[in-house]
Amino acid sequence: MDQFVFSVIVCLVAVLLDRLLGEPRRWHPLVGFGRFAGLVEQRLNRLPEHKGRSISLGLLGVLIVVIPVLMVAAALKWATDGWAYLLLEALVLYLAVSIRGLTEHGQAVSSALHGGDIERAREQVGRIVSRNVSELDEQGVAAAASESMLENGADAVFASLFWFLVAGIPGVLLHRMVNTLDAMWGYRNERYLNFGRVAARLDDVMNWLPARLTALTYALLGNTRLAWRCWRTQAPQWDSPNAGPVMAAGAGALGVSLGGPAPYKTGIRQRPVLGKGPVATAGTVNEAIGLVRRGVWLWLCLLGSIAVVAALVCARVQTG
């Protein structure tokens, strides 16, 4: 039980560090990991047309990039203890969550939209989505940014907190690595369809429960009835088993319509509409950011309350 209390304290410290410092501007570990993963993919992904062998090489690629990092995490745990290890945990979790970074990216889009600078808004949203932003109008930019805030809130923020609480540094590192590999290798095109399949499935498994906890969080903090209805009826139509509940519940909680057709480099992708209400605006982006931030504090307050109660119960048992 003491371990849970310390883990909650680490979560609070990591969130405060993120609020104070934001993302590192240089030498972010995930950037280095992404470059290494890219080199591994270039070396291994040479037979995309051979399904079975390509899947096997994708599995090998995942193991090559993930195992060394987990071995380093295990070595640090063995070599460090006490307050030094708690500080290390806080630092790793701070680097994994990206609340302030998410906020800054979203606000850059909404500020450009509020200022009527559609070209700058397209440029800013192009940094966080993979769409063909040159074809997006003002509403399309606002919708893309809002969807990114909701989905990345689940992937980068809530899932990181969840996996840290479940498995400490190894858990949060494994999740962030798998999530990054899915973002790099999980495309459904000729090159990555088979090679990236293992990374995509691992990401689906690791995000299944965190995504639904995130959807529940969004629902509790917004229009709960509409969010629940959208989650139940619209999420199954989405092509991602985890993004569907998150984005449907988020859109319902905000009372707006997201989803729908969107331009990508391969053409217009026909997507179902999520949520219900008016189309997205610059204000919707800020509301989505606020939903994520309030959700983090809800989690911290709930976890803190559980930790306090657990500590009091343990103290009573020990003295009784």
Protein backbone atom coordinates (compact mmCIF):
# COMPACT_ATOMS: atom_id res chain seq x y z
CA MET A 1 0.00 0.00 0.00
CA ASP A 2 2.93 2.37 0.68
CA GLN A 3 4.02 1.81 -2.93
CA PHE A 4 0.64 3.04 -4.20
CA VAL A 5 0.86 6.16 -2.04
CA PHE A 6 4.34 6.91 -3.35
CA SER A 7 3.16 6.30 -6.94
CA VAL A 8 0.37 8.84 -6.52
CA ILE A 9 2.90 11.37 -5.17
CA VAL A 10 5.11 10.72 -8.20
CA CYS A 11 2.12 11.33 -10.52
CA LEU A 12 1.46 14.68 -8.85
CA VAL A 13 5.13 15.71 -9.04
CA ALA A 14 5.35 14.70 -12.71
CA VAL A 15 2.24 16.72 -13.61
CA LEU A 16 3.59 19.75 -11.73
CA LEU A 17 6.95 19.41 -13.51
CA ASP A 18 5.13 19.29 -16.83
CA ARG A 19 3.15 22.40 -15.90
CA LEU A 20 6.30 24.29 -14.88
CA LEU A 21 8.74 23.11 -17.55
CA GLY A 22 6.72 21.82 -20.49
CA GLU A 23 8.31 19.54 -23.06
CA PRO A 24 12.10 19.64 -23.45
CA ARG A 25 12.87 21.77 -26.49
CA ARG A 26 15.94 19.71 -27.32
CA TRP A 27 17.12 16.14 -26.75
CA HIS A 28 13.71 14.69 -25.95
CA PRO A 29 14.19 10.91 -25.42
CA LEU A 30 11.18 10.07 -27.61
CA VAL A 31 12.76 11.90 -30.53
CA GLY A 32 15.90 9.78 -30.20
CA PHE A 33 13.79 6.64 -29.87
CA GLY A 34 11.86 7.58 -32.99
CA ARG A 35 15.05 8.02 -34.99
CA PHE A 36 16.35 4.64 -33.82
CA ALA A 37 13.02 3.02 -34.70
CA GLY A 38 13.17 4.61 -38.14
CA LEU A 39 16.62 3.16 -38.79
CA VAL A 40 15.47 -0.30 -37.68
CA GLU A 41 12.45 -0.11 -39.96
CA GLN A 42 14.58 0.87 -42.94
CA ARG A 43 16.85 -2.12 -42.37
CA LEU A 44 14.11 -4.70 -41.79
CA ASN A 45 11.09 -3.61 -43.82
CA ARG A 46 12.32 -4.76 -47.24
CA LEU A 47 9.71 -7.41 -48.04
CA PRO A 48 6.33 -5.70 -47.54
CA GLU A 49 4.69 -7.91 -50.19
CA HIS A 50 5.43 -11.13 -48.23
CA LYS A 51 2.79 -11.11 -45.51
CA GLY A 52 4.06 -13.74 -43.09
CA ARG A 53 7.71 -12.77 -43.30
CA SER A 54 6.91 -9.05 -43.10
CA ILE A 55 4.86 -9.61 -39.93
CA SER A 56 7.74 -11.62 -38.42
CA LEU A 57 10.22 -8.88 -39.29
CA GLY A 58 7.86 -6.34 -37.72
CA LEU A 59 7.84 -8.37 -34.52
CA LEU A 60 11.64 -8.54 -34.62
CA GLY A 61 11.76 -4.77 -35.10
CA VAL A 62 9.56 -4.21 -32.05
CA LEU A 63 11.80 -6.44 -29.94
CA ILE A 64 14.99 -4.75 -31.17
CA VAL A 65 13.86 -1.26 -30.22
CA VAL A 66 11.92 -2.09 -27.04
CA ILE A 67 14.06 -4.63 -25.18
CA PRO A 68 17.19 -2.46 -24.75
CA VAL A 69 15.16 0.37 -23.22
CA LEU A 70 13.43 -2.01 -20.80
CA MET A 71 16.80 -3.49 -19.86
CA VAL A 72 18.10 -0.02 -19.02
CA ALA A 73 14.96 0.61 -16.93
CA ALA A 74 15.54 -2.65 -15.04
CA ALA A 75 19.19 -1.75 -14.44
CA LEU A 76 18.22 1.67 -13.07
CA LYS A 77 15.74 0.07 -10.70
CA TRP A 78 18.39 -2.33 -9.47
CA ALA A 79 21.00 0.42 -9.04
CA THR A 80 18.73 3.07 -7.49
CA ASP A 81 16.46 3.01 -4.47
CA GLY A 82 14.71 5.25 -1.98
CA TRP A 83 14.12 8.91 -2.81
CA ALA A 84 16.54 8.77 -5.73
CA TYR A 85 14.35 6.21 -7.47
CA LEU A 86 11.21 8.23 -6.73
CA LEU A 87 12.83 11.25 -8.36
CA LEU A 88 13.80 9.09 -11.33
CA GLU A 89 10.20 7.89 -11.62
CA ALA A 90 8.93 11.47 -11.53
CA LEU A 91 11.39 12.49 -14.25
CA VAL A 92 10.45 9.57 -16.54
CA LEU A 93 6.72 10.16 -16.07
CA TYR A 94 7.18 13.91 -16.66
CA LEU A 95 8.86 13.11 -19.99
CA ALA A 96 6.02 10.70 -20.89
CA VAL A 97 3.01 12.92 -20.16
CA SER A 98 2.61 15.98 -22.31
CA ILE A 99 -0.21 18.09 -20.93
CA ARG A 100 1.49 21.43 -21.43
CA GLY A 101 2.83 20.41 -24.84
CA LEU A 102 -0.66 19.31 -25.89
CA THR A 103 -2.04 22.62 -24.64
CA GLU A 104 0.55 24.69 -26.49
CA HIS A 105 -0.03 22.87 -29.78
CA GLY A 106 -3.78 23.25 -29.50
CA GLN A 107 -3.67 26.88 -28.47
CA ALA A 108 -1.37 27.70 -31.39
CA VAL A 109 -4.13 26.49 -33.72
CA SER A 110 -6.98 28.23 -31.88
CA SER A 111 -5.06 31.51 -31.65
CA ALA A 112 -4.45 31.50 -35.41
CA LEU A 113 -8.12 30.76 -36.05
CA HIS A 114 -9.25 33.51 -33.68
CA GLY A 115 -6.94 35.88 -35.55
CA GLY A 116 -8.38 34.88 -38.91
CA ASP A 117 -5.02 33.56 -40.15
CA ILE A 118 -6.10 30.34 -41.85
CA GLU A 119 -2.67 29.67 -43.40
CA ARG A 120 -0.96 29.81 -40.02
CA ALA A 121 -3.73 27.68 -38.53
CA ARG A 122 -3.15 25.05 -41.24
CA GLU A 123 0.57 25.14 -40.58
CA GLN A 124 0.08 24.65 -36.84
CA VAL A 125 -2.47 21.85 -37.15
CA GLY A 126 -0.16 20.13 -39.66
CA ARG A 127 2.27 19.60 -36.78
CA ILE A 128 -0.17 17.41 -34.87
CA VAL A 129 -2.26 15.61 -37.53
CA SER A 130 -1.41 13.61 -40.65
CA ARG A 131 -4.09 15.12 -42.90
CA ASN A 132 -3.66 17.06 -46.09
CA VAL A 133 -4.02 20.38 -44.28
CA SER A 134 -3.91 22.47 -47.47
CA GLU A 135 -7.47 21.31 -48.20
CA LEU A 136 -8.86 22.14 -44.74
CA ASP A 137 -11.12 25.13 -44.25
CA GLU A 138 -11.54 26.89 -40.92
CA GLN A 139 -14.03 24.34 -39.63
CA GLY A 140 -11.84 21.45 -40.81
CA VAL A 141 -8.80 22.86 -39.02
CA ALA A 142 -10.77 23.34 -35.81
CA ALA A 143 -12.19 19.82 -36.01
CA ALA A 144 -8.78 18.26 -36.69
CA ALA A 145 -7.19 20.07 -33.76
CA SER A 146 -10.07 19.21 -31.43
CA GLU A 147 -9.91 15.54 -32.38
CA SER A 148 -6.14 15.57 -31.83
CA MET A 149 -6.55 17.08 -28.35
CA LEU A 150 -9.06 14.41 -27.33
CA GLU A 151 -7.17 11.45 -28.82
CA ASN A 152 -3.69 12.52 -27.71
CA GLY A 153 -5.08 13.25 -24.26
CA ALA A 154 -5.86 9.56 -24.07
CA ASP A 155 -2.62 8.31 -25.65
CA ALA A 156 -0.03 10.65 -24.17
CA VAL A 157 -1.56 11.70 -20.87
CA PHE A 158 -4.09 9.35 -19.33
CA ALA A 159 -2.54 6.12 -20.65
CA SER A 160 0.88 7.20 -19.35
CA LEU A 161 -0.55 7.82 -15.88
CA PHE A 162 -2.43 4.51 -16.01
CA TRP A 163 0.57 2.41 -17.01
CA PHE A 164 2.82 4.09 -14.48
CA LEU A 165 0.37 3.22 -11.71
CA VAL A 166 0.14 -0.36 -12.97
CA ALA A 167 3.80 -1.13 -13.66
CA GLY A 168 5.99 1.85 -12.78
CA ILE A 169 8.79 2.98 -15.10
CA PRO A 170 8.79 -0.21 -17.22
CA GLY A 171 5.04 0.12 -17.77
CA VAL A 172 5.05 3.75 -18.84
CA LEU A 173 8.15 3.27 -21.04
CA LEU A 174 6.69 0.21 -22.76
CA HIS A 175 3.44 2.03 -23.46
CA ARG A 176 5.11 5.14 -24.85
CA MET A 177 7.41 3.06 -27.06
CA VAL A 178 4.59 0.92 -28.41
CA ASN A 179 2.43 4.00 -28.98
CA THR A 180 5.29 5.69 -30.86
CA LEU A 181 5.89 2.60 -32.99
CA ASP A 182 2.20 2.44 -33.85
CA ALA A 183 2.31 6.11 -34.90
CA MET A 184 5.34 5.38 -37.12
CA TRP A 185 4.57 1.88 -38.41
CA GLY A 186 0.82 1.51 -38.00
CA TYR A 187 -0.26 2.88 -41.37
CA ARG A 188 -2.59 0.75 -43.48
CA ASN A 189 -0.68 1.14 -46.70
CA GLU A 190 1.41 -1.21 -48.82
CA ARG A 191 4.64 -0.54 -46.95
CA TYR A 192 3.40 -0.84 -43.38
CA LEU A 193 0.25 -2.99 -43.48
CA ASN A 194 2.10 -6.18 -42.49
CA PHE A 195 5.33 -4.88 -40.99
CA GLY A 196 3.49 -2.59 -38.56
CA ARG A 197 0.80 -5.07 -37.60
CA VAL A 198 2.46 -6.26 -34.37
CA ALA A 199 3.06 -2.70 -33.15
CA ALA A 200 -0.52 -1.72 -34.00
CA ARG A 201 -2.02 -4.70 -32.19
CA LEU A 202 0.16 -4.15 -29.12
CA ASP A 203 -0.94 -0.53 -29.06
CA ASP A 204 -4.59 -1.61 -29.28
CA VAL A 205 -4.14 -3.98 -26.34
CA MET A 206 -2.23 -1.56 -24.13
CA ASN A 207 -4.64 1.31 -24.79
CA TRP A 208 -7.88 -0.66 -24.48
CA LEU A 209 -8.57 0.02 -20.80
CA PRO A 210 -6.94 3.48 -20.59
CA ALA A 211 -9.00 4.61 -23.60
CA ARG A 212 -12.24 3.61 -21.92
CA LEU A 213 -11.22 5.23 -18.65
CA THR A 214 -10.47 8.38 -20.63
CA ALA A 215 -13.85 8.22 -22.37
CA LEU A 216 -15.52 7.85 -18.98
CA THR A 217 -13.54 10.83 -17.69
CA TYR A 218 -14.65 13.01 -20.61
CA ALA A 219 -18.24 11.93 -20.10
CA LEU A 220 -18.22 12.76 -16.39
CA LEU A 221 -16.81 16.23 -17.00
CA GLY A 222 -19.10 17.29 -19.85
CA ASN A 223 -22.55 16.52 -21.19
CA THR A 224 -22.66 13.09 -19.56
CA ARG A 225 -25.89 11.82 -21.10
CA LEU A 226 -24.95 12.82 -24.65
CA ALA A 227 -21.39 11.58 -24.23
CA TRP A 228 -22.59 8.18 -23.08
CA ARG A 229 -25.08 7.92 -25.97
CA CYS A 230 -22.44 8.88 -28.54
CA TRP A 231 -19.96 6.44 -27.02
CA ARG A 232 -22.47 3.61 -27.14
CA THR A 233 -23.87 4.23 -30.63
CA GLN A 234 -21.07 5.91 -32.60
CA ALA A 235 -17.81 4.45 -31.30
CA PRO A 236 -18.38 0.98 -32.85
CA GLN A 237 -18.50 2.64 -36.30
CA TRP A 238 -14.99 4.13 -35.94
CA ASP A 239 -12.11 2.18 -37.47
CA SER A 240 -9.99 2.30 -34.29
CA PRO A 241 -11.26 0.28 -31.30
CA ASN A 242 -9.74 2.79 -28.85
CA ALA A 243 -9.97 6.15 -30.61
CA GLY A 244 -13.67 5.54 -31.25
CA PRO A 245 -14.80 5.58 -27.59
CA VAL A 246 -12.43 8.45 -26.72
CA MET A 247 -13.47 10.74 -29.56
CA ALA A 248 -17.17 9.86 -29.51
CA ALA A 249 -17.42 10.45 -25.76
CA GLY A 250 -15.29 13.58 -26.04
CA ALA A 251 -17.40 15.05 -28.85
CA GLY A 252 -20.57 14.25 -26.94
CA ALA A 253 -19.18 15.76 -23.75
CA LEU A 254 -18.38 18.97 -25.64
CA GLY A 255 -21.71 18.96 -27.47
CA VAL A 256 -20.16 19.33 -30.94
CA SER A 257 -19.93 17.33 -34.16
CA LEU A 258 -16.53 15.90 -35.07
CA GLY A 259 -15.39 13.21 -37.46
CA GLY A 260 -16.89 13.09 -40.93
CA PRO A 261 -14.99 13.12 -44.27
CA ALA A 262 -11.39 14.31 -44.01
CA PRO A 263 -8.65 14.86 -46.62
CA TYR A 264 -5.50 12.74 -46.45
CA LYS A 265 -2.61 12.33 -48.88
CA THR A 266 -4.30 9.22 -50.24
CA GLY A 267 -7.59 11.06 -50.81
CA ILE A 268 -10.77 11.81 -48.91
CA ARG A 269 -11.36 9.36 -46.09
CA GLN A 270 -15.01 8.81 -45.33
CA ARG A 271 -15.39 8.73 -41.56
CA PRO A 272 -18.57 8.59 -39.48
CA VAL A 273 -19.74 11.69 -37.64
CA LEU A 274 -19.01 11.69 -33.91
CA GLY A 275 -20.89 13.68 -31.29
CA LYS A 276 -23.91 15.88 -31.86
CA GLY A 277 -24.33 19.62 -32.13
CA PRO A 278 -22.68 22.51 -34.00
CA VAL A 279 -19.47 22.11 -36.00
CA ALA A 280 -16.11 22.72 -34.36
CA THR A 281 -14.70 26.23 -33.98
CA ALA A 282 -11.57 27.74 -32.47
CA GLY A 283 -13.39 27.70 -29.14
CA THR A 284 -13.91 23.95 -29.44
CA VAL A 285 -10.15 23.40 -29.49
CA ASN A 286 -9.78 25.28 -26.20
CA GLU A 287 -12.73 23.40 -24.71
CA ALA A 288 -11.12 20.07 -25.66
CA ILE A 289 -7.89 21.19 -23.98
CA GLY A 290 -9.85 22.15 -20.89
CA LEU A 291 -11.55 18.75 -20.84
CA VAL A 292 -8.18 16.98 -20.83
CA ARG A 293 -6.72 19.22 -18.14
CA ARG A 294 -9.75 18.90 -15.86
CA GLY A 295 -9.62 15.15 -16.39
CA VAL A 296 -6.02 15.01 -15.16
CA TRP A 297 -6.90 16.86 -11.97
CA LEU A 298 -9.94 14.63 -11.48
CA TRP A 299 -7.65 11.58 -11.68
CA LEU A 300 -5.14 13.13 -9.28
CA CYS A 301 -7.84 14.08 -6.77
CA LEU A 302 -9.40 10.63 -6.94
CA LEU A 303 -6.05 8.87 -6.62
CA GLY A 304 -5.02 11.19 -3.80
CA SER A 305 -8.25 10.47 -1.92
CA ILE A 306 -7.73 6.72 -2.29
CA ALA A 307 -4.12 7.06 -1.12
CA VAL A 308 -5.13 9.07 1.97
CA VAL A 309 -7.84 6.58 2.91
CA ALA A 310 -5.47 3.65 2.37
CA ALA A 311 -2.77 5.29 4.49
CA LEU A 312 -5.25 5.95 7.32
CA VAL A 313 -6.53 2.38 7.20
CA CYS A 314 -2.99 0.99 7.29
CA ALA A 315 -2.09 3.26 10.19
CA ARG A 316 -5.15 2.13 12.14
CA VAL A 317 -4.39 -1.52 11.46
CA GLN A 318 -0.79 -1.12 12.60
CA THR A 319 -1.76 0.70 15.81
CA GLY A 320 -4.70 -1.59 16.51
